[in-house]
Structure formats: structure tokens, C-alpha cells
Amino acid sequence: MTSAAPHDLVVTQATLADWPVISGWAAAEGWNPGLSDGPAFFAQDPGGFFLGRIDGEPVSAVSVVNHGPDYAFLGCYLVRPDLRGRGHGLTTWKTALAHAGNRTVGLDGVVAQQDNYRQSGFELAYRTVRFTGTAAAGEQPAGVRAAGPADLAALTAYDSACHPADRPRFLAAWLTAPGHRALVRAEGGRLTGYGVIRPGHDTLRIGPLFADTAADARALFAALTATAAGAQVAIDVPEPNAAGVALAEAAGLRPSFETARMYTGPVRAYARERVFGVTTLELG
């Protein structure tokens, strides 16, 4: 997919080799992307990432990742700071959005862009707050263990219940990416939650944190941070999940960043009460 635009901007699909450029821009914005996010993102939809270039030099980016026949997620909307205000971002956006076809599109919009997103047909669903702070020392609670290959089928089913679309390709890569530590909580052989912690550019990132109950979420959070005592950690909590907000606050984390989950239309029902921490703001 290629699009010519004013100022000789050419928009094409990006490849995994372009990911360091996109993630570097995101890091410069303070979004703190994970160090190993790229392969998992591209595993979900290799054609869902776009770059705008002028004379071959990257100047803009956006992703529109298809999660299934009915749902896509938009993220990584970035323009090089010295070339903003010239229409490059909007041209890149329009080209990439066509990739979603007739799917409902979701995004996690930063405060400065939310009015623009509304004008493009996105409606607010809820606010997400990033909580950041220092991980406390602790021991791994009972009932929590490392996820293994034998857990993949159960984890995929659990994840699908907590997300607006199935994402098995992404999940398989996410659970095993370099530096990612995935834990599960089980009771009587039944999965009651799972979580992942991974290194980011600035802090360790927790996501997802999906759990049946607040007690399950607390146990997973404690286990995820048990080996990170003294390190800075961050988790993106949907504000409607009061138990998730309380968990972050009880851990001594404080709000540092916020976004708005917005959609262009309906999404399938999922267990929002189980979402104590969003997987990633780039892919939902």
C-alpha cells in the first residue's frame, strides 16, 4: 500500500526492520515502549504498520493492527517533531486506516489528541491511567507459577475472554519474548489469571494483568514484582476497574500518564472486570 501526499510524503507498509525507528520515536515521547515488543506486534498483523517517508527518510508512523474480522487497533501515531503541523500525520493516518476495512477500530488516545480522534469518529469508552513507582520487596505468593508451553491453550482462551478479539499469534510471541516474564495463577487446575512483566525503555512494564478477582490480581502483581524490588515499574489500569486502581495505589504507585480508550463502533463483550492492567497501549 503506497500513498503520495503533499510535500512528497510517501506512505508504505513498514517492516519489522523499521520497528526501531517507530519505537525510538515512542520512547522520545515518554511512552516507554517495551524493549522486545516489535516481533510480537508484527506477529499479530505483519501488514498493520505504516511509515511516511520524504526522500526515503522516515517522518511519520501509525499502526492499524487487525485482530480479527471485526476489530482493529490503532496505535503508534507519531510524527517527527521537526516536521509536525504539515499534514504528514493525517496523510499517514488516512492511508493506514484503510487497512482496517469495515472493522471497529479502537485506540488509546493521549490527552492532546482526543478531540482530533472524536472528529474522526472515535467515541470515549473509558479512561486508562498509568501508575508508576518503585517495586517493593516481597515473596512469590502460593498458587502463582511461571507460564509454560503446556499453558498456551488455556492462556489463549483466558486472554480471549478478557479482550475484544482473539489474538493467538500475538500472545504466543508475547509470552516468550526476550526479557518477558509470564506468570499464571491457578486453583484446582483452573486458570484464574495471568500477567506479564517486561523491560521498557524507562521502567519495567506490567501488562497484561488479567485476573478473576482482586485477590488473584494482587497475588500475580506481587509475584511479578517480587524479583524487581527497588526497580521502577508501570502498569496501565482501566479507571473503571476500581479494584485495579486500588491495587496500584496500595503498591505505592502513582498516576504518571493517562489515555482514553476510544472506539469507532461496537466491540464484542469481554470480561472488563478482569482487566486489572492493559496489555499494551499500542495494541490494546
Protein backbone atom coordinates (compact mmCIF):
# COMPACT_ATOMS: atom_id res chain seq x y z
CA MET A 1 0.00 0.00 0.00
CA THR A 2 1.52 3.33 -1.10
CA SER A 3 0.21 6.86 -0.98
CA ALA A 4 1.69 10.07 -2.33
CA ALA A 5 0.91 13.25 -0.46
CA PRO A 6 1.84 16.94 -0.33
CA HIS A 7 5.47 17.70 0.38
CA ASP A 8 6.47 14.46 -1.40
CA LEU A 9 5.37 12.25 1.50
CA VAL A 10 5.13 8.58 0.54
CA VAL A 11 3.34 6.19 2.92
CA THR A 12 4.15 2.49 2.76
CA GLN A 13 3.73 -0.53 4.98
CA ALA A 14 6.55 -0.81 7.48
CA THR A 15 8.51 -3.97 8.23
CA LEU A 16 9.94 -5.32 11.45
CA ALA A 17 13.27 -3.80 10.38
CA ASP A 18 11.60 -0.37 10.70
CA TRP A 19 10.45 -1.00 14.27
CA PRO A 20 13.50 0.59 15.96
CA VAL A 21 12.60 3.89 14.29
CA ILE A 22 8.97 3.75 15.47
CA SER A 23 9.79 2.58 19.00
CA GLY A 24 12.56 5.17 19.25
CA TRP A 25 10.10 7.95 18.48
CA ALA A 26 7.66 6.49 21.03
CA ALA A 27 10.39 6.39 23.66
CA ALA A 28 11.25 10.03 22.94
CA GLU A 29 7.60 10.91 23.63
CA GLY A 30 7.86 9.28 27.07
CA TRP A 31 5.58 6.38 26.16
CA ASN A 32 8.14 3.83 27.42
CA PRO A 33 7.64 1.03 24.87
CA GLY A 34 8.91 -2.42 25.75
CA LEU A 35 12.35 -3.39 24.51
CA SER A 36 11.11 -6.58 22.81
CA ASP A 37 7.63 -5.50 21.67
CA GLY A 38 8.23 -5.44 17.91
CA PRO A 39 8.22 -9.15 16.98
CA ALA A 40 5.03 -9.81 18.97
CA PHE A 41 3.29 -6.79 17.42
CA PHE A 42 4.19 -7.85 13.88
CA ALA A 43 3.21 -11.45 14.63
CA GLN A 44 -0.38 -10.31 15.07
CA ASP A 45 -0.57 -8.42 11.75
CA PRO A 46 2.60 -8.01 9.69
CA GLY A 47 0.81 -5.61 7.34
CA GLY A 48 -0.53 -3.33 10.06
CA PHE A 49 2.37 -0.89 10.44
CA PHE A 50 2.99 2.15 8.27
CA LEU A 51 5.70 4.75 7.75
CA GLY A 52 5.59 8.05 5.89
CA ARG A 53 8.85 9.00 4.21
CA ILE A 54 10.22 12.05 2.45
CA ASP A 55 13.14 11.34 0.14
CA GLY A 56 13.39 7.94 1.79
CA GLU A 57 13.69 9.33 5.32
CA PRO A 58 11.02 8.27 7.88
CA VAL A 59 8.96 11.21 9.15
CA SER A 60 5.65 9.71 10.36
CA ALA A 61 4.19 6.44 11.60
CA VAL A 62 0.96 4.76 12.62
CA SER A 63 -0.20 1.19 13.17
CA VAL A 64 -3.62 -0.26 12.40
CA VAL A 65 -3.40 -3.86 13.55
CA ASN A 66 -6.23 -6.20 12.58
CA HIS A 67 -7.16 -8.57 15.40
CA GLY A 68 -9.86 -10.42 13.50
CA PRO A 69 -12.70 -9.86 11.04
CA ASP A 70 -14.49 -7.32 13.25
CA TYR A 71 -11.82 -5.47 15.25
CA ALA A 72 -8.63 -3.48 14.68
CA PHE A 73 -6.50 -1.33 16.95
CA LEU A 74 -4.73 1.89 16.06
CA GLY A 75 -1.52 2.99 17.76
CA CYS A 76 1.99 4.32 17.27
CA TYR A 77 0.62 7.58 15.80
CA LEU A 78 3.78 9.65 15.57
CA VAL A 79 5.34 12.44 13.52
CA ARG A 80 8.94 13.56 13.77
CA PRO A 81 8.90 16.71 15.94
CA ASP A 82 10.63 18.96 13.40
CA LEU A 83 8.04 18.14 10.72
CA ARG A 84 4.79 18.42 12.65
CA GLY A 85 1.94 20.66 11.59
CA ARG A 86 2.38 19.97 7.86
CA GLY A 87 -0.26 17.29 7.33
CA HIS A 88 2.10 14.34 7.28
CA GLY A 89 0.45 12.67 10.26
CA LEU A 90 -3.07 12.97 8.81
CA THR A 91 -1.98 11.60 5.44
CA THR A 92 -0.29 8.64 7.12
CA TRP A 93 -3.37 8.11 9.32
CA LYS A 94 -5.79 8.04 6.37
CA THR A 95 -3.64 5.64 4.38
CA ALA A 96 -3.22 3.25 7.31
CA LEU A 97 -6.85 3.37 8.44
CA ALA A 98 -7.94 1.84 5.14
CA HIS A 99 -6.18 -1.33 6.28
CA ALA A 100 -8.95 -1.84 8.87
CA GLY A 101 -11.67 -2.01 6.25
CA ASN A 102 -15.10 -2.10 7.91
CA ARG A 103 -13.78 -3.23 11.30
CA THR A 104 -14.47 -1.33 14.50
CA VAL A 105 -11.23 0.43 15.39
CA GLY A 106 -10.03 1.04 18.94
CA LEU A 107 -7.23 3.21 20.26
CA ASP A 108 -5.75 4.54 23.48
CA GLY A 109 -5.51 8.26 22.82
CA VAL A 110 -3.22 10.70 24.59
CA VAL A 111 -4.95 13.76 26.03
CA ALA A 112 -3.66 16.17 23.38
CA GLN A 113 -5.17 14.14 20.52
CA GLN A 114 -8.53 13.12 21.95
CA ASP A 115 -10.51 15.95 20.32
CA ASN A 116 -8.98 15.08 16.95
CA TYR A 117 -9.96 11.45 17.44
CA ARG A 118 -13.54 12.44 18.20
CA GLN A 119 -13.65 14.36 14.94
CA SER A 120 -12.54 11.16 13.20
CA GLY A 121 -15.47 9.19 14.64
CA PHE A 122 -13.94 7.75 17.81
CA GLU A 123 -16.06 7.81 20.97
CA LEU A 124 -14.84 7.61 24.55
CA ALA A 125 -15.28 4.27 26.31
CA TYR A 126 -13.22 4.87 29.47
CA ARG A 127 -10.02 6.42 30.76
CA THR A 128 -6.82 4.47 31.39
CA VAL A 129 -4.29 5.66 33.97
CA ARG A 130 -0.63 4.67 34.03
CA PHE A 131 0.60 4.10 37.57
CA THR A 132 4.36 4.22 38.14
CA GLY A 133 6.55 3.67 41.18
CA THR A 134 9.15 1.55 42.91
CA ALA A 135 8.55 -2.17 43.27
CA ALA A 136 8.59 -3.33 46.87
CA ALA A 137 10.44 -6.39 48.13
CA GLY A 138 8.31 -9.47 48.62
CA GLU A 139 7.95 -13.19 48.20
CA GLN A 140 6.18 -15.07 45.44
CA PRO A 141 2.69 -15.97 46.71
CA ALA A 142 1.36 -19.50 46.69
CA GLY A 143 -0.60 -20.56 43.63
CA VAL A 144 1.47 -18.47 41.20
CA ARG A 145 4.00 -20.06 38.87
CA ALA A 146 5.81 -19.43 35.63
CA ALA A 147 3.77 -19.96 32.47
CA GLY A 148 4.96 -22.82 30.29
CA PRO A 149 4.23 -24.25 26.83
CA ALA A 150 1.58 -26.54 28.29
CA ASP A 151 -0.39 -23.47 29.44
CA LEU A 152 -0.68 -21.87 25.99
CA ALA A 153 -4.14 -23.22 25.10
CA ALA A 154 -5.63 -22.23 28.46
CA LEU A 155 -3.91 -18.83 28.37
CA THR A 156 -5.19 -18.17 24.85
CA ALA A 157 -8.75 -18.94 25.91
CA TYR A 158 -8.42 -16.82 29.06
CA ASP A 159 -6.95 -13.92 27.11
CA SER A 160 -9.77 -14.09 24.54
CA ALA A 161 -12.32 -13.72 27.35
CA CYS A 162 -10.57 -10.52 28.51
CA HIS A 163 -10.09 -8.82 25.13
CA PRO A 164 -12.38 -7.63 22.33
CA ALA A 165 -10.85 -10.11 19.86
CA ASP A 166 -8.84 -13.33 19.74
CA ARG A 167 -5.08 -12.77 19.35
CA PRO A 168 -3.31 -16.16 19.50
CA ARG A 169 -0.36 -15.19 17.28
CA PHE A 170 0.39 -12.11 19.35
CA LEU A 171 0.02 -13.98 22.64
CA ALA A 172 2.33 -16.84 21.68
CA ALA A 173 5.06 -14.31 20.86
CA TRP A 174 4.31 -12.04 23.83
CA LEU A 175 4.62 -14.78 26.43
CA THR A 176 8.04 -15.88 25.21
CA ALA A 177 9.66 -12.63 24.00
CA PRO A 178 13.18 -11.88 25.29
CA GLY A 179 13.01 -10.37 28.77
CA HIS A 180 9.30 -11.10 29.19
CA ARG A 181 8.33 -12.98 32.36
CA ALA A 182 4.87 -14.56 32.24
CA LEU A 183 3.15 -15.94 35.34
CA VAL A 184 -0.13 -17.76 35.85
CA ARG A 185 -2.34 -18.26 38.87
CA ALA A 186 -4.37 -21.44 39.10
CA GLU A 187 -6.75 -23.09 41.53
CA GLY A 188 -7.80 -26.71 41.29
CA GLY A 189 -6.22 -26.93 37.85
CA ARG A 190 -8.24 -23.97 36.56
CA LEU A 191 -6.57 -20.75 35.44
CA THR A 192 -7.69 -17.73 37.49
CA GLY A 193 -5.40 -15.13 35.95
CA TYR A 194 -2.11 -14.34 34.30
CA GLY A 195 0.32 -11.46 33.97
CA VAL A 196 3.48 -10.43 32.15
CA ILE A 197 6.29 -8.09 33.17
CA ARG A 198 8.82 -6.88 30.62
CA PRO A 199 11.66 -4.35 30.35
CA GLY A 200 10.83 -0.95 28.89
CA HIS A 201 12.97 1.99 27.86
CA ASP A 202 12.43 3.75 31.19
CA THR A 203 10.73 1.33 33.59
CA LEU A 204 9.58 -2.27 33.80
CA ARG A 205 6.12 -2.64 32.30
CA ILE A 206 3.35 -4.90 33.63
CA GLY A 207 0.80 -5.95 31.04
CA PRO A 208 -1.45 -7.67 30.79
CA LEU A 209 -2.67 -8.28 34.30
CA PHE A 210 -5.88 -10.27 33.86
CA ALA A 211 -7.49 -11.99 36.84
CA ASP A 212 -10.79 -13.40 38.08
CA THR A 213 -10.71 -11.49 41.36
CA ALA A 214 -8.83 -8.73 43.13
CA ALA A 215 -7.12 -11.38 45.27
CA ASP A 216 -5.88 -13.17 42.14
CA ALA A 217 -4.64 -9.87 40.71
CA ARG A 218 -2.83 -8.95 43.94
CA ALA A 219 -1.09 -12.32 44.03
CA LEU A 220 0.02 -12.01 40.42
CA PHE A 221 1.17 -8.42 40.89
CA ALA A 222 3.17 -9.38 43.97
CA ALA A 223 4.78 -12.29 42.12
CA LEU A 224 5.57 -10.20 39.04
CA THR A 225 7.31 -7.54 41.13
CA ALA A 226 8.95 -9.91 43.64
CA THR A 227 12.11 -10.14 41.56
CA ALA A 228 12.10 -6.43 40.71
CA ALA A 229 12.44 -4.94 44.21
CA GLY A 230 13.80 -1.41 44.01
CA ALA A 231 13.15 -1.08 40.27
CA GLN A 232 10.67 1.31 38.71
CA VAL A 233 7.53 -0.39 37.39
CA ALA A 234 4.49 0.84 35.50
CA ILE A 235 1.02 -0.57 34.84
CA ASP A 236 -1.84 0.88 32.74
CA VAL A 237 -5.09 0.44 34.67
CA PRO A 238 -8.58 0.99 33.20
CA GLU A 239 -10.10 3.59 35.52
CA PRO A 240 -13.50 1.81 35.77
CA ASN A 241 -11.74 -1.12 37.46
CA ALA A 242 -11.75 0.35 40.97
CA ALA A 243 -10.05 -2.75 42.36
CA GLY A 244 -7.25 -2.32 39.84
CA VAL A 245 -6.77 1.31 40.81
CA ALA A 246 -6.77 0.33 44.50
CA LEU A 247 -4.17 -2.38 43.82
CA ALA A 248 -1.81 0.09 42.15
CA GLU A 249 -2.26 2.67 44.89
CA ALA A 250 -1.74 0.09 47.64
CA ALA A 251 1.54 -0.86 45.96
CA GLY A 252 2.70 2.75 46.29
CA LEU A 253 2.35 3.56 42.59
CA ARG A 254 1.13 6.97 41.50
CA PRO A 255 -0.55 8.28 38.32
CA SER A 256 2.01 9.41 35.75
CA PHE A 257 0.19 9.36 32.40
CA GLU A 258 -3.31 8.92 31.04
CA THR A 259 -5.05 7.91 27.84
CA ALA A 260 -8.62 7.38 26.69
CA ARG A 261 -9.86 4.12 25.23
CA MET A 262 -11.97 5.10 22.25
CA TYR A 263 -13.84 3.10 19.60
CA THR A 264 -15.43 3.83 16.23
CA GLY A 265 -18.23 1.35 16.89
CA PRO A 266 -19.32 -1.62 18.98
CA VAL A 267 -16.92 -4.30 20.17
CA ARG A 268 -17.73 -7.80 21.33
CA ALA A 269 -18.47 -8.27 25.01
CA TYR A 270 -15.49 -9.22 27.17
CA ALA A 271 -14.76 -9.54 30.89
CA ARG A 272 -13.71 -5.95 31.58
CA GLU A 273 -13.79 -6.58 35.31
CA ARG A 274 -10.88 -8.99 34.86
CA VAL A 275 -8.66 -6.35 33.22
CA PHE A 276 -6.51 -5.01 36.04
CA GLY A 277 -3.77 -3.97 33.64
CA VAL A 278 -3.90 -3.31 29.90
CA THR A 279 -1.55 -5.42 27.78
CA THR A 280 -0.09 -2.53 25.79
CA LEU A 281 -1.40 0.85 24.72
CA GLU A 282 -0.13 0.23 21.18
CA LEU A 283 -2.21 -2.89 20.51
CA GLY A 284 -4.82 -2.78 23.28
